[in-house]
Amino acid sequence: MVMIQSSTTATAIFIATIFISSLVTNSAFAQAQSMNQSMNNASDSANQAAQNVGQSANKTGEGIQGNASQIGSNISEGAKNLGENITEGAKGLAETLGKGLQDLAK
Protein backbone atom coordinates (compact mmCIF):
# COMPACT_ATOMS: atom_id res chain seq x y z
CA MET A 1 0.00 0.00 0.00
CA VAL A 2 2.84 2.38 0.74
CA MET A 3 4.30 1.55 -2.66
CA ILE A 4 1.05 2.42 -4.48
CA GLN A 5 0.68 5.67 -2.60
CA SER A 6 4.32 6.61 -3.36
CA SER A 7 3.84 5.76 -7.03
CA THR A 8 0.61 7.77 -7.18
CA THR A 9 2.32 10.75 -5.53
CA ALA A 10 5.22 10.55 -7.95
CA THR A 11 2.82 10.38 -10.88
CA ALA A 12 0.86 13.37 -9.59
CA ILE A 13 4.08 15.37 -9.14
CA PHE A 14 5.21 14.38 -12.64
CA ILE A 15 1.88 15.44 -14.19
CA ALA A 16 1.89 18.70 -12.22
CA THR A 17 5.45 19.41 -13.39
CA ILE A 18 4.50 18.85 -17.03
CA PHE A 19 1.40 21.06 -16.63
CA ILE A 20 3.37 23.87 -14.98
CA SER A 21 6.14 23.61 -17.60
CA SER A 22 3.53 23.87 -20.31
CA LEU A 23 2.06 27.01 -18.73
CA VAL A 24 5.48 28.61 -18.33
CA THR A 25 6.43 27.78 -21.92
CA ASN A 26 3.16 29.16 -23.29
CA SER A 27 3.53 32.32 -21.21
CA ALA A 28 7.11 32.85 -22.43
CA PHE A 29 6.03 32.26 -26.03
CA ALA A 30 3.19 34.77 -25.69
CA GLN A 31 5.57 37.36 -24.22
CA ALA A 32 8.04 36.80 -27.05
CA GLN A 33 5.28 37.31 -29.62
CA SER A 34 4.17 40.48 -27.87
CA MET A 35 7.73 41.84 -27.80
CA ASN A 36 8.19 40.96 -31.47
CA GLN A 37 5.00 42.83 -32.38
CA SER A 38 6.08 45.84 -30.31
CA MET A 39 9.45 45.92 -32.04
CA ASN A 40 7.78 45.69 -35.45
CA ASN A 41 5.49 48.57 -34.55
CA ALA A 42 8.44 50.67 -33.37
CA SER A 43 10.33 49.87 -36.56
CA ASP A 44 7.33 50.84 -38.70
CA SER A 45 6.99 54.12 -36.80
CA ALA A 46 10.69 54.89 -37.25
CA ASN A 47 10.49 54.15 -40.97
CA GLN A 48 7.46 56.41 -41.36
CA ALA A 49 9.20 59.21 -39.47
CA ALA A 50 12.27 58.87 -41.69
CA GLN A 51 10.12 59.02 -44.82
CA ASN A 52 8.36 62.13 -43.54
CA VAL A 53 11.70 63.82 -42.82
CA GLY A 54 12.93 62.94 -46.30
CA GLN A 55 9.81 64.34 -47.94
CA SER A 56 10.04 67.51 -45.87
CA ALA A 57 13.70 67.97 -46.82
CA ASN A 58 12.83 67.53 -50.49
CA LYS A 59 10.10 70.16 -50.27
CA THR A 60 12.45 72.54 -48.46
CA GLY A 61 15.13 71.98 -51.11
CA GLU A 62 12.63 72.60 -53.89
CA GLY A 63 11.54 75.83 -52.22
CA ILE A 64 15.13 77.01 -51.83
CA GLN A 65 15.89 76.10 -55.43
CA GLY A 66 12.84 78.02 -56.65
CA ASN A 67 13.78 81.08 -54.58
CA ALA A 68 17.38 80.95 -55.81
CA SER A 69 16.16 80.78 -59.40
CA GLN A 70 13.92 83.81 -58.86
CA ILE A 71 16.76 85.73 -57.20
CA GLY A 72 19.06 84.90 -60.11
CA SER A 73 16.42 86.09 -62.56
CA ASN A 74 15.98 89.33 -60.61
CA ILE A 75 19.75 89.94 -60.57
CA SER A 76 19.95 89.35 -64.32
CA GLU A 77 17.11 91.79 -64.94
CA GLY A 78 18.75 94.36 -62.65
CA ALA A 79 22.09 93.99 -64.42
CA LYS A 80 20.38 94.38 -67.80
CA ASN A 81 18.67 97.57 -66.62
CA LEU A 82 21.93 98.88 -65.17
CA GLY A 83 23.70 98.18 -68.46
CA GLU A 84 21.00 100.02 -70.40
CA ASN A 85 21.28 102.98 -68.02
CA ILE A 86 25.06 103.10 -68.39
CA THR A 87 24.74 102.91 -72.16
CA GLU A 88 22.20 105.74 -72.22
CA GLY A 89 24.39 107.79 -69.88
CA ALA A 90 27.44 107.22 -72.08
CA LYS A 91 25.46 108.23 -75.17
CA GLY A 92 24.34 111.42 -73.44
CA LEU A 93 27.89 112.16 -72.32
CA ALA A 94 29.24 111.55 -75.84
CA GLU A 95 26.63 113.85 -77.34
CA THR A 96 27.42 116.57 -74.81
CA LEU A 97 31.14 116.25 -75.41
CA GLY A 98 30.60 116.22 -79.16
CA LYS A 99 28.56 119.41 -79.03
CA GLY A 100 31.11 121.02 -76.72
CA LEU A 101 33.94 120.16 -79.10
CA GLN A 102 31.97 121.51 -82.05
CA ASP A 103 31.37 124.72 -80.17
CA LEU A 104 35.09 125.00 -79.43
CA ALA A 105 35.95 124.41 -83.06
CA LYS A 106 33.80 127.36 -84.20
PDB file of N, CA and C in Angstrom:
ATOM      1  N   MET A   1       0.815  -1.185   0.000  1.00  0.00           N
ATOM      2  CA  MET A   1       0.000   0.000   0.000  1.00  0.00           C
ATOM      3  C   MET A   1       0.871   1.266   0.000  1.00  0.00           C
ATOM      4  N   VAL A   2       1.926   1.239   0.708  1.00  0.00           N
ATOM      5  CA  VAL A   2       2.836   2.384   0.745  1.00  0.00           C
ATOM      6  C   VAL A   2       3.450   2.576  -0.624  1.00  0.00           C
ATOM      7  N   MET A   3       3.714   1.490  -1.325  1.00  0.00           N
ATOM      8  CA  MET A   3       4.302   1.554  -2.658  1.00  0.00           C
ATOM      9  C   MET A   3       3.334   2.186  -3.654  1.00  0.00           C
ATOM     10  N   ILE A   4       2.064   1.866  -3.573  1.00  0.00           N
ATOM     11  CA  ILE A   4       1.049   2.421  -4.476  1.00  0.00           C
ATOM     12  C   ILE A   4       0.884   3.908  -4.216  1.00  0.00           C
ATOM     13  N   GLN A   5       0.849   4.264  -2.941  1.00  0.00           N
ATOM     14  CA  GLN A   5       0.683   5.674  -2.596  1.00  0.00           C
ATOM     15  C   GLN A   5       1.903   6.469  -3.061  1.00  0.00           C
ATOM     16  N   SER A   6       3.098   5.949  -2.930  1.00  0.00           N
ATOM     17  CA  SER A   6       4.321   6.611  -3.356  1.00  0.00           C
ATOM     18  C   SER A   6       4.333   6.767  -4.872  1.00  0.00           C
ATOM     19  N   SER A   7       3.894   5.731  -5.574  1.00  0.00           N
ATOM     20  CA  SER A   7       3.843   5.764  -7.029  1.00  0.00           C
ATOM     21  C   SER A   7       2.809   6.782  -7.506  1.00  0.00           C
ATOM     22  N   THR A   8       1.666   6.821  -6.826  1.00  0.00           N
ATOM     23  CA  THR A   8       0.615   7.768  -7.181  1.00  0.00           C
ATOM     24  C   THR A   8       1.095   9.198  -6.930  1.00  0.00           C
ATOM     25  N   THR A   9       1.796   9.428  -5.852  1.00  0.00           N
ATOM     26  CA  THR A   9       2.323  10.751  -5.526  1.00  0.00           C
ATOM     27  C   THR A   9       3.350  11.167  -6.572  1.00  0.00           C
ATOM     28  N   ALA A  10       4.205  10.245  -6.945  1.00  0.00           N
ATOM     29  CA  ALA A  10       5.224  10.546  -7.954  1.00  0.00           C
ATOM     30  C   ALA A  10       4.571  10.874  -9.288  1.00  0.00           C
ATOM     31  N   THR A  11       3.532  10.121  -9.625  1.00  0.00           N
ATOM     32  CA  THR A  11       2.820  10.376 -10.881  1.00  0.00           C
ATOM     33  C   THR A  11       2.146  11.739 -10.838  1.00  0.00           C
ATOM     34  N   ALA A  12       1.531  12.078  -9.731  1.00  0.00           N
ATOM     35  CA  ALA A  12       0.859  13.374  -9.586  1.00  0.00           C
ATOM     36  C   ALA A  12       1.875  14.514  -9.694  1.00  0.00           C
ATOM     37  N   ILE A  13       3.024  14.334  -9.073  1.00  0.00           N
ATOM     38  CA  ILE A  13       4.078  15.369  -9.141  1.00  0.00           C
ATOM     39  C   ILE A  13       4.577  15.501 -10.580  1.00  0.00           C
ATOM     40  N   PHE A  14       4.749  14.368 -11.246  1.00  0.00           N
ATOM     41  CA  PHE A  14       5.205  14.380 -12.639  1.00  0.00           C
ATOM     42  C   PHE A  14       4.204  15.103 -13.543  1.00  0.00           C
ATOM     43  N   ILE A  15       2.923  14.795 -13.384  1.00  0.00           N
ATOM     44  CA  ILE A  15       1.879  15.435 -14.194  1.00  0.00           C
ATOM     45  C   ILE A  15       1.809  16.928 -13.883  1.00  0.00           C
ATOM     46  N   ALA A  16       1.917  17.288 -12.621  1.00  0.00           N
ATOM     47  CA  ALA A  16       1.887  18.699 -12.221  1.00  0.00           C
ATOM     48  C   ALA A  16       3.082  19.441 -12.816  1.00  0.00           C
ATOM     49  N   THR A  17       4.238  18.792 -12.830  1.00  0.00           N
ATOM     50  CA  THR A  17       5.447  19.412 -13.393  1.00  0.00           C
ATOM     51  C   THR A  17       5.277  19.665 -14.895  1.00  0.00           C
ATOM     52  N   ILE A  18       4.731  18.686 -15.599  1.00  0.00           N
ATOM     53  CA  ILE A  18       4.497  18.845 -17.034  1.00  0.00           C
ATOM     54  C   ILE A  18       3.492  19.969 -17.278  1.00  0.00           C
ATOM     55  N   PHE A  19       2.429  20.020 -16.486  1.00  0.00           N
ATOM     56  CA  PHE A  19       1.401  21.058 -16.630  1.00  0.00           C
ATOM     57  C   PHE A  19       1.999  22.444 -16.389  1.00  0.00           C
ATOM     58  N   ILE A  20       2.765  22.580 -15.315  1.00  0.00           N
ATOM     59  CA  ILE A  20       3.371  23.872 -14.978  1.00  0.00           C
ATOM     60  C   ILE A  20       4.381  24.276 -16.051  1.00  0.00           C
ATOM     61  N   SER A  21       5.174  23.311 -16.528  1.00  0.00           N
ATOM     62  CA  SER A  21       6.143  23.608 -17.597  1.00  0.00           C
ATOM     63  C   SER A  21       5.432  24.087 -18.847  1.00  0.00           C
ATOM     64  N   SER A  22       4.315  23.470 -19.151  1.00  0.00           N
ATOM     65  CA  SER A  22       3.526  23.873 -20.313  1.00  0.00           C
ATOM     66  C   SER A  22       3.024  25.302 -20.163  1.00  0.00           C
ATOM     67  N   LEU A  23       2.540  25.642 -18.974  1.00  0.00           N
ATOM     68  CA  LEU A  23       2.056  27.006 -18.729  1.00  0.00           C
ATOM     69  C   LEU A  23       3.188  28.028 -18.850  1.00  0.00           C
ATOM     70  N   VAL A  24       4.332  27.703 -18.286  1.00  0.00           N
ATOM     71  CA  VAL A  24       5.479  28.614 -18.330  1.00  0.00           C
ATOM     72  C   VAL A  24       5.942  28.799 -19.777  1.00  0.00           C
ATOM     73  N   THR A  25       6.005  27.709 -20.519  1.00  0.00           N
ATOM     74  CA  THR A  25       6.433  27.780 -21.921  1.00  0.00           C
ATOM     75  C   THR A  25       5.460  28.614 -22.736  1.00  0.00           C
ATOM     76  N   ASN A  26       4.162  28.381 -22.550  1.00  0.00           N
ATOM     77  CA  ASN A  26       3.160  29.164 -23.289  1.00  0.00           C
ATOM     78  C   ASN A  26       3.231  30.639 -22.927  1.00  0.00           C
ATOM     79  N   SER A  27       3.438  30.930 -21.647  1.00  0.00           N
ATOM     80  CA  SER A  27       3.535  32.320 -21.208  1.00  0.00           C
ATOM     81  C   SER A  27       4.762  32.987 -21.830  1.00  0.00           C
ATOM     82  N   ALA A  28       5.895  32.292 -21.838  1.00  0.00           N
ATOM     83  CA  ALA A  28       7.113  32.851 -22.427  1.00  0.00           C
ATOM     84  C   ALA A  28       6.930  33.070 -23.924  1.00  0.00           C
ATOM     85  N   PHE A  29       6.278  32.130 -24.588  1.00  0.00           N
ATOM     86  CA  PHE A  29       6.032  32.264 -26.026  1.00  0.00           C
ATOM     87  C   PHE A  29       5.130  33.463 -26.304  1.00  0.00           C
ATOM     88  N   ALA A  30       4.110  33.642 -25.504  1.00  0.00           N
ATOM     89  CA  ALA A  30       3.194  34.775 -25.688  1.00  0.00           C
ATOM     90  C   ALA A  30       3.928  36.096 -25.472  1.00  0.00           C
ATOM     91  N   GLN A  31       4.799  36.135 -24.463  1.00  0.00           N
ATOM     92  CA  GLN A  31       5.570  37.357 -24.218  1.00  0.00           C
ATOM     93  C   GLN A  31       6.516  37.640 -25.376  1.00  0.00           C
ATOM     94  N   ALA A  32       7.129  36.601 -25.920  1.00  0.00           N
ATOM     95  CA  ALA A  32       8.035  36.795 -27.050  1.00  0.00           C
ATOM     96  C   ALA A  32       7.274  37.331 -28.263  1.00  0.00           C
ATOM     97  N   GLN A  33       6.082  36.808 -28.503  1.00  0.00           N
ATOM     98  CA  GLN A  33       5.279  37.312 -29.621  1.00  0.00           C
ATOM     99  C   GLN A  33       4.895  38.774 -29.411  1.00  0.00           C
ATOM    100  N   SER A  34       4.547  39.104 -28.185  1.00  0.00           N
ATOM    101  CA  SER A  34       4.170  40.478 -27.872  1.00  0.00           C
ATOM    102  C   SER A  34       5.357  41.422 -28.079  1.00  0.00           C
ATOM    103  N   MET A  35       6.532  41.010 -27.620  1.00  0.00           N
ATOM    104  CA  MET A  35       7.730  41.836 -27.797  1.00  0.00           C
ATOM    105  C   MET A  35       8.063  41.985 -29.282  1.00  0.00           C
ATOM    106  N   ASN A  36       7.916  40.908 -30.034  1.00  0.00           N
ATOM    107  CA  ASN A  36       8.191  40.963 -31.466  1.00  0.00           C
ATOM    108  C   ASN A  36       7.250  41.944 -32.158  1.00  0.00           C
ATOM    109  N   GLN A  37       5.972  41.909 -31.796  1.00  0.00           N
ATOM    110  CA  GLN A  37       4.999  42.833 -32.380  1.00  0.00           C
ATOM    111  C   GLN A  37       5.322  44.275 -31.999  1.00  0.00           C
ATOM    112  N   SER A  38       5.720  44.480 -30.754  1.00  0.00           N
ATOM    113  CA  SER A  38       6.075  45.835 -30.312  1.00  0.00           C
ATOM    114  C   SER A  38       7.276  46.358 -31.078  1.00  0.00           C
ATOM    115  N   MET A  39       8.260  45.506 -31.294  1.00  0.00           N
ATOM    116  CA  MET A  39       9.449  45.923 -32.040  1.00  0.00           C
ATOM    117  C   MET A  39       9.099  46.225 -33.503  1.00  0.00           C
ATOM    118  N   ASN A  40       8.218  45.420 -34.080  1.00  0.00           N
ATOM    119  CA  ASN A  40       7.783  45.689 -35.455  1.00  0.00           C
ATOM    120  C   ASN A  40       7.057  47.018 -35.544  1.00  0.00           C
ATOM    121  N   ASN A  41       6.208  47.292 -34.562  1.00  0.00           N
ATOM    122  CA  ASN A  41       5.489  48.571 -34.549  1.00  0.00           C
ATOM    123  C   ASN A  41       6.453  49.742 -34.420  1.00  0.00           C
ATOM    124  N   ALA A  42       7.446  49.599 -33.542  1.00  0.00           N
ATOM    125  CA  ALA A  42       8.439  50.665 -33.365  1.00  0.00           C
ATOM    126  C   ALA A  42       9.235  50.870 -34.650  1.00  0.00           C
ATOM    127  N   SER A  43       9.590  49.780 -35.304  1.00  0.00           N
ATOM    128  CA  SER A  43      10.328  49.871 -36.564  1.00  0.00           C
ATOM    129  C   SER A  43       9.495  50.554 -37.634  1.00  0.00           C
ATOM    130  N   ASP A  44       8.216  50.201 -37.718  1.00  0.00           N
ATOM    131  CA  ASP A  44       7.329  50.840 -38.696  1.00  0.00           C
ATOM    132  C   ASP A  44       7.208  52.338 -38.427  1.00  0.00           C
ATOM    133  N   SER A  45       7.095  52.702 -37.154  1.00  0.00           N
ATOM    134  CA  SER A  45       6.987  54.120 -36.796  1.00  0.00           C
ATOM    135  C   SER A  45       8.266  54.869 -37.168  1.00  0.00           C
ATOM    136  N   ALA A  46       9.418  54.249 -36.908  1.00  0.00           N
ATOM    137  CA  ALA A  46      10.694  54.891 -37.246  1.00  0.00           C
ATOM    138  C   ALA A  46      10.831  55.053 -38.758  1.00  0.00           C
ATOM    139  N   ASN A  47      10.420  54.049 -39.510  1.00  0.00           N
ATOM    140  CA  ASN A  47      10.490  54.149 -40.969  1.00  0.00           C
ATOM    141  C   ASN A  47       9.584  55.266 -41.491  1.00  0.00           C
ATOM    142  N   GLN A  48       8.389  55.366 -40.931  1.00  0.00           N
ATOM    143  CA  GLN A  48       7.455  56.415 -41.356  1.00  0.00           C
ATOM    144  C   GLN A  48       8.018  57.790 -41.034  1.00  0.00           C
ATOM    145  N   ALA A  49       8.605  57.924 -39.854  1.00  0.00           N
ATOM    146  CA  ALA A  49       9.195  59.215 -39.471  1.00  0.00           C
ATOM    147  C   ALA A  49      10.337  59.582 -40.418  1.00  0.00           C
ATOM    148  N   ALA A  50      11.161  58.609 -40.774  1.00  0.00           N
ATOM    149  CA  ALA A  50      12.273  58.872 -41.693  1.00  0.00           C
ATOM    150  C   ALA A  50      11.755  59.288 -43.071  1.00  0.00           C
ATOM    151  N   GLN A  51      10.697  58.640 -43.531  1.00  0.00           N
ATOM    152  CA  GLN A  51      10.120  59.018 -44.824  1.00  0.00           C
ATOM    153  C   GLN A  51       9.570  60.436 -44.782  1.00  0.00           C
ATOM    154  N   ASN A  52       8.917  60.787 -43.678  1.00  0.00           N
ATOM    155  CA  ASN A  52       8.365  62.133 -43.544  1.00  0.00           C
ATOM    156  C   ASN A  52       9.470  63.185 -43.537  1.00  0.00           C
ATOM    157  N   VAL A  53      10.578  62.881 -42.855  1.00  0.00           N
ATOM    158  CA  VAL A  53      11.703  63.821 -42.816  1.00  0.00           C
ATOM    159  C   VAL A  53      12.274  63.990 -44.221  1.00  0.00           C
ATOM    160  N   GLY A  54      12.407  62.863 -44.939  1.00  0.00           N
ATOM    161  CA  GLY A  54      12.932  62.940 -46.305  1.00  0.00           C
ATOM    162  C   GLY A  54      12.044  63.765 -47.213  1.00  0.00           C
ATOM    163  N   GLN A  55      10.741  63.568 -47.105  1.00  0.00           N
ATOM    164  CA  GLN A  55       9.812  64.337 -47.935  1.00  0.00           C
ATOM    165  C   GLN A  55       9.865  65.816 -47.587  1.00  0.00           C
ATOM    166  N   SER A  56       9.968  66.116 -46.300  1.00  0.00           N
ATOM    167  CA  SER A  56      10.042  67.506 -45.866  1.00  0.00           C
ATOM    168  C   SER A  56      11.321  68.164 -46.386  1.00  0.00           C
ATOM    169  N   ALA A  57      12.427  67.428 -46.322  1.00  0.00           N
ATOM    170  CA  ALA A  57      13.701  67.965 -46.816  1.00  0.00           C
ATOM    171  C   ALA A  57      13.624  68.217 -48.322  1.00  0.00           C
ATOM    172  N   ASN A  58      12.984  67.322 -49.047  1.00  0.00           N
ATOM    173  CA  ASN A  58      12.830  67.525 -50.494  1.00  0.00           C
ATOM    174  C   ASN A  58      12.023  68.786 -50.784  1.00  0.00           C
ATOM    175  N   LYS A  59      10.924  68.973 -50.056  1.00  0.00           N
ATOM    176  CA  LYS A  59      10.096  70.162 -50.274  1.00  0.00           C
ATOM    177  C   LYS A  59      10.864  71.433 -49.928  1.00  0.00           C
ATOM    178  N   THR A  60      11.649  71.380 -48.850  1.00  0.00           N
ATOM    179  CA  THR A  60      12.449  72.543 -48.463  1.00  0.00           C
ATOM    180  C   THR A  60      13.477  72.852 -49.544  1.00  0.00           C
ATOM    181  N   GLY A  61      14.138  71.795 -50.051  1.00  0.00           N
ATOM    182  CA  GLY A  61      15.126  71.982 -51.112  1.00  0.00           C
ATOM    183  C   GLY A  61      14.505  72.553 -52.371  1.00  0.00           C
ATOM    184  N   GLU A  62      13.318  72.075 -52.709  1.00  0.00           N
ATOM    185  CA  GLU A  62      12.631  72.597 -53.892  1.00  0.00           C
ATOM    186  C   GLU A  62      12.282  74.071 -53.707  1.00  0.00           C
ATOM    187  N   GLY A  63      11.859  74.430 -52.502  1.00  0.00           N
ATOM    188  CA  GLY A  63      11.539  75.834 -52.223  1.00  0.00           C
ATOM    189  C   GLY A  63      12.770  76.717 -52.320  1.00  0.00           C
ATOM    190  N   ILE A  64      13.875  76.236 -51.776  1.00  0.00           N
ATOM    191  CA  ILE A  64      15.126  77.014 -51.833  1.00  0.00           C
ATOM    192  C   ILE A  64      15.576  77.157 -53.283  1.00  0.00           C
ATOM    193  N   GLN A  65      15.490  76.072 -54.020  1.00  0.00           N
ATOM    194  CA  GLN A  65      15.894  76.101 -55.428  1.00  0.00           C
ATOM    195  C   GLN A  65      15.038  77.102 -56.209  1.00  0.00           C
ATOM    196  N   GLY A  66      13.722  77.081 -55.965  1.00  0.00           N
ATOM    197  CA  GLY A  66      12.836  78.020 -56.649  1.00  0.00           C
ATOM    198  C   GLY A  66      13.161  79.457 -56.297  1.00  0.00           C
ATOM    199  N   ASN A  67      13.437  79.715 -55.009  1.00  0.00           N
ATOM    200  CA  ASN A  67      13.782  81.075 -54.581  1.00  0.00           C
ATOM    201  C   ASN A  67      15.102  81.518 -55.200  1.00  0.00           C
ATOM    202  N   ALA A  68      16.078  80.605 -55.233  1.00  0.00           N
ATOM    203  CA  ALA A  68      17.381  80.951 -55.812  1.00  0.00           C
ATOM    204  C   ALA A  68      17.235  81.268 -57.296  1.00  0.00           C
ATOM    205  N   SER A  69      16.401  80.523 -57.984  1.00  0.00           N
ATOM    206  CA  SER A  69      16.164  80.776 -59.405  1.00  0.00           C
ATOM    207  C   SER A  69      15.543  82.151 -59.602  1.00  0.00           C
ATOM    208  N   GLN A  70      14.586  82.494 -58.767  1.00  0.00           N
ATOM    209  CA  GLN A  70      13.924  83.806 -58.862  1.00  0.00           C
ATOM    210  C   GLN A  70      14.913  84.921 -58.553  1.00  0.00           C
ATOM    211  N   ILE A  71      15.754  84.711 -57.546  1.00  0.00           N
ATOM    212  CA  ILE A  71      16.756  85.735 -57.199  1.00  0.00           C
ATOM    213  C   ILE A  71      17.721  85.932 -58.363  1.00  0.00           C
ATOM    214  N   GLY A  72      18.156  84.807 -58.962  1.00  0.00           N
ATOM    215  CA  GLY A  72      19.055  84.898 -60.114  1.00  0.00           C
ATOM    216  C   GLY A  72      18.415  85.652 -61.263  1.00  0.00           C
ATOM    217  N   SER A  73      17.147  85.392 -61.497  1.00  0.00           N
ATOM    218  CA  SER A  73      16.424  86.093 -62.564  1.00  0.00           C
ATOM    219  C   SER A  73      16.341  87.583 -62.266  1.00  0.00           C
ATOM    220  N   ASN A  74      16.070  87.920 -60.997  1.00  0.00           N
ATOM    221  CA  ASN A  74      15.981  89.333 -60.606  1.00  0.00           C
ATOM    222  C   ASN A  74      17.332  90.034 -60.775  1.00  0.00           C
ATOM    223  N   ILE A  75      18.413  89.347 -60.422  1.00  0.00           N
ATOM    224  CA  ILE A  75      19.750  89.943 -60.565  1.00  0.00           C
ATOM    225  C   ILE A  75      20.050  90.182 -62.043  1.00  0.00           C
ATOM    226  N   SER A  76      19.712  89.195 -62.884  1.00  0.00           N
ATOM    227  CA  SER A  76      19.949  89.352 -64.324  1.00  0.00           C
ATOM    228  C   SER A  76      19.183  90.545 -64.877  1.00  0.00           C
ATOM    229  N   GLU A  77      17.936  90.665 -64.472  1.00  0.00           N
ATOM    230  CA  GLU A  77      17.115  91.791 -64.938  1.00  0.00           C
ATOM    231  C   GLU A  77      17.697  93.112 -64.453  1.00  0.00           C
ATOM    232  N   GLY A  78      18.151  93.139 -63.199  1.00  0.00           N
ATOM    233  CA  GLY A  78      18.750  94.360 -62.651  1.00  0.00           C
ATOM    234  C   GLY A  78      20.036  94.727 -63.383  1.00  0.00           C
ATOM    235  N   ALA A  79      20.854  93.724 -63.692  1.00  0.00           N
ATOM    236  CA  ALA A  79      22.092  93.989 -64.419  1.00  0.00           C
ATOM    237  C   ALA A  79      21.794  94.496 -65.825  1.00  0.00           C
ATOM    238  N   LYS A  80      20.781  93.937 -66.456  1.00  0.00           N
ATOM    239  CA  LYS A  80      20.377  94.378 -67.796  1.00  0.00           C
ATOM    240  C   LYS A  80      19.955  95.849 -67.760  1.00  0.00           C
ATOM    241  N   ASN A  81      19.121  96.184 -66.749  1.00  0.00           N
ATOM    242  CA  ASN A  81      18.667  97.568 -66.622  1.00  0.00           C
ATOM    243  C   ASN A  81      19.832  98.513 -66.334  1.00  0.00           C
ATOM    244  N   LEU A  82      20.764  98.061 -65.492  1.00  0.00           N
ATOM    245  CA  LEU A  82      21.932  98.881 -65.172  1.00  0.00           C
ATOM    246  C   LEU A  82      22.770  99.109 -66.434  1.00  0.00           C
ATOM    247  N   GLY A  83      22.945  98.033 -67.206  1.00  0.00           N
ATOM    248  CA  GLY A  83      23.702  98.178 -68.462  1.00  0.00           C
ATOM    249  C   GLY A  83      23.041  99.153 -69.414  1.00  0.00           C
ATOM    250  N   GLU A  84      21.725  99.090 -69.525  1.00  0.00           N
ATOM    251  CA  GLU A  84      21.001 100.022 -70.399  1.00  0.00           C
ATOM    252  C   GLU A  84      21.171 101.455 -69.905  1.00  0.00           C
ATOM    253  N   ASN A  85      21.121 101.632 -68.588  1.00  0.00           N
ATOM    254  CA  ASN A  85      21.276 102.985 -68.024  1.00  0.00           C
ATOM    255  C   ASN A  85      22.681 103.526 -68.283  1.00  0.00           C
ATOM    256  N   ILE A  86      23.679 102.656 -68.137  1.00  0.00           N
ATOM    257  CA  ILE A  86      25.056 103.101 -68.392  1.00  0.00           C
ATOM    258  C   ILE A  86      25.217 103.469 -69.867  1.00  0.00           C
ATOM    259  N   THR A  87      24.645 102.644 -70.726  1.00  0.00           N
ATOM    260  CA  THR A  87      24.738 102.913 -72.162  1.00  0.00           C
ATOM    261  C   THR A  87      24.081 104.244 -72.505  1.00  0.00           C
ATOM    262  N   GLU A  88      22.904 104.475 -71.969  1.00  0.00           N
ATOM    263  CA  GLU A  88      22.204 105.737 -72.225  1.00  0.00           C
ATOM    264  C   GLU A  88      23.008 106.916 -71.669  1.00  0.00           C
ATOM    265  N   GLY A  89      23.575 106.724 -70.479  1.00  0.00           N
ATOM    266  CA  GLY A  89      24.391 107.793 -69.884  1.00  0.00           C
ATOM    267  C   GLY A  89      25.621 108.081 -70.726  1.00  0.00           C
ATOM    268  N   ALA A  90      26.249 107.027 -71.236  1.00  0.00           N
ATOM    269  CA  ALA A  90      27.435 107.217 -72.080  1.00  0.00           C
ATOM    270  C   ALA A  90      27.061 107.919 -73.384  1.00  0.00           C
ATOM    271  N   LYS A  91      25.916 107.554 -73.946  1.00  0.00           N
ATOM    272  CA  LYS A  91      25.461 108.232 -75.168  1.00  0.00           C
ATOM    273  C   LYS A  91      25.252 109.719 -74.905  1.00  0.00           C
ATOM    274  N   GLY A  92      24.595 110.010 -73.783  1.00  0.00           N
ATOM    275  CA  GLY A  92      24.342 111.417 -73.436  1.00  0.00           C
ATOM    276  C   GLY A  92      25.636 112.170 -73.236  1.00  0.00           C
ATOM    277  N   LEU A  93      26.600 111.528 -72.570  1.00  0.00           N
ATOM    278  CA  LEU A  93      27.891 112.165 -72.321  1.00  0.00           C
ATOM    279  C   LEU A  93      28.621 112.389 -73.640  1.00  0.00           C
ATOM    280  N   ALA A  94      28.568 111.410 -74.541  1.00  0.00           N
ATOM    281  CA  ALA A  94      29.238 111.549 -75.837  1.00  0.00           C
ATOM    282  C   ALA A  94      28.614 112.676 -76.653  1.00  0.00           C
ATOM    283  N   GLU A  95      27.297 112.775 -76.616  1.00  0.00           N
ATOM    284  CA  GLU A  95      26.626 113.847 -77.342  1.00  0.00           C
ATOM    285  C   GLU A  95      27.025 115.213 -76.784  1.00  0.00           C
ATOM    286  N   THR A  96      27.056 115.300 -75.449  1.00  0.00           N
ATOM    287  CA  THR A  96      27.417 116.569 -74.814  1.00  0.00           C
ATOM    288  C   THR A  96      28.850 116.943 -75.152  1.00  0.00           C
ATOM    289  N   LEU A  97      29.751 115.958 -75.083  1.00  0.00           N
ATOM    290  CA  LEU A  97      31.142 116.249 -75.409  1.00  0.00           C
ATOM    291  C   LEU A  97      31.285 116.621 -76.882  1.00  0.00           C
ATOM    292  N   GLY A  98      30.546 115.910 -77.728  1.00  0.00           N
ATOM    293  CA  GLY A  98      30.596 116.219 -79.161  1.00  0.00           C
ATOM    294  C   GLY A  98      30.140 117.643 -79.449  1.00  0.00           C
ATOM    295  N   LYS A  99      29.071 118.045 -78.823  1.00  0.00           N
ATOM    296  CA  LYS A  99      28.559 119.406 -79.025  1.00  0.00           C
ATOM    297  C   LYS A  99      29.551 120.425 -78.469  1.00  0.00           C
ATOM    298  N   GLY A 100      30.138 120.085 -77.335  1.00  0.00           N
ATOM    299  CA  GLY A 100      31.112 121.017 -76.717  1.00  0.00           C
ATOM    300  C   GLY A 100      32.332 121.170 -77.620  1.00  0.00           C
ATOM    301  N   LEU A 101      32.778 120.075 -78.207  1.00  0.00           N
ATOM    302  CA  LEU A 101      33.938 120.159 -79.101  1.00  0.00           C
ATOM    303  C   LEU A 101      33.592 120.935 -80.363  1.00  0.00           C
ATOM    304  N   GLN A 102      32.384 120.757 -80.870  1.00  0.00           N
ATOM    305  CA  GLN A 102      31.966 121.514 -82.053  1.00  0.00           C
ATOM    306  C   GLN A 102      31.916 123.000 -81.742  1.00  0.00           C
ATOM    307  N   ASP A 103      31.441 123.318 -80.560  1.00  0.00           N
ATOM    308  CA  ASP A 103      31.367 124.721 -80.167  1.00  0.00           C
ATOM    309  C   ASP A 103      32.781 125.304 -80.060  1.00  0.00           C
ATOM    310  N   LEU A 104      33.726 124.533 -79.567  1.00  0.00           N
ATOM    311  CA  LEU A 104      35.085 125.000 -79.428  1.00  0.00           C
ATOM    312  C   LEU A 104      35.739 125.201 -80.795  1.00  0.00           C
ATOM    313  N   ALA A 105      35.342 124.335 -81.735  1.00  0.00           N
ATOM    314  CA  ALA A 105      35.952 124.406 -83.061  1.00  0.00           C
ATOM    315  C   ALA A 105      35.447 125.621 -83.832  1.00  0.00           C
ATOM    316  N   LYS A 106      34.357 126.210 -83.499  1.00  0.00           N
ATOM    317  CA  LYS A 106      33.798 127.364 -84.204  1.00  0.00           C
ATOM    318  C   LYS A 106      34.576 128.575 -83.958  1.00  0.00           C
TER     319      LYS A 106
END
